[in-house]
């Protein structure tokens, strides 16, 4: 049976993956497709968690559309290159389909793995852009930290009101760390919090078990979670776990 090398698989996948637009373009398309009412400043202020989740889910759905679109030329080019050869070496349609799937499977697995890694690597950046966009909708001045100064700010993702104040007068600024999910190693990915800095953690994670909530408190952190996550009975009385809808007013 024909077996493709890694370089042969990459030759199919690389052009297709490059066709997937950058995160900011997908995010803009996601925002543009939402009902205008949902993006009115007053609505965003009063339904911050809902709109955050709506934009995030819409951006993910848009990425999946582009992922499917990127898969089509991969299949087409594979069939053009190997279809005739496989057909010539098989006796009937059933054998042809079986052989075709066996040879194409490594391509499909690699495509799924690489697009999954792309989506995960983009999730954090997209989450930061969404947070800035919605906070600005609420009239809150804020900025994503530039790569050139992120190290000076201990890898903080967003600063309020701006980077200049955060660098020169950090006691007059507020800092946000955006983590789309809080995985097992979440503590190692946290920025280092200076004593005089006001820092908040924001996450879209649906799973904040009691033990993780206690760990967050042990780190003297305040975390904002989806409203429905905060509504869980074991989190209701933990005042360091707050509703995402409260974030805009808490930042004023």
Foldseek 3Di string as FASTA:
>chain_A
DDADDPVRLCVLQVVLVVQQDALVVLLVVLVVPDDPVCLQLVNCLQPVLVSLVSSLVSSVVSSVVSLVVSVVSSVVVCCVVCVVVLVVVDDDDVSSVVVSCVRCVVSVVVSVVVSVVVCVVCSQVNSLVSVCSSLVSNVWAKDADDPVCCVVVQNFGMKGNYDVCCNPPQLPMATEHEDQECDPCNVVVDGDDDPSHHYAYEYAHLDCDPVNLVVCVVVVHAYEYDPVSCPPPSNVPVRSYHHPSCVSVVRD
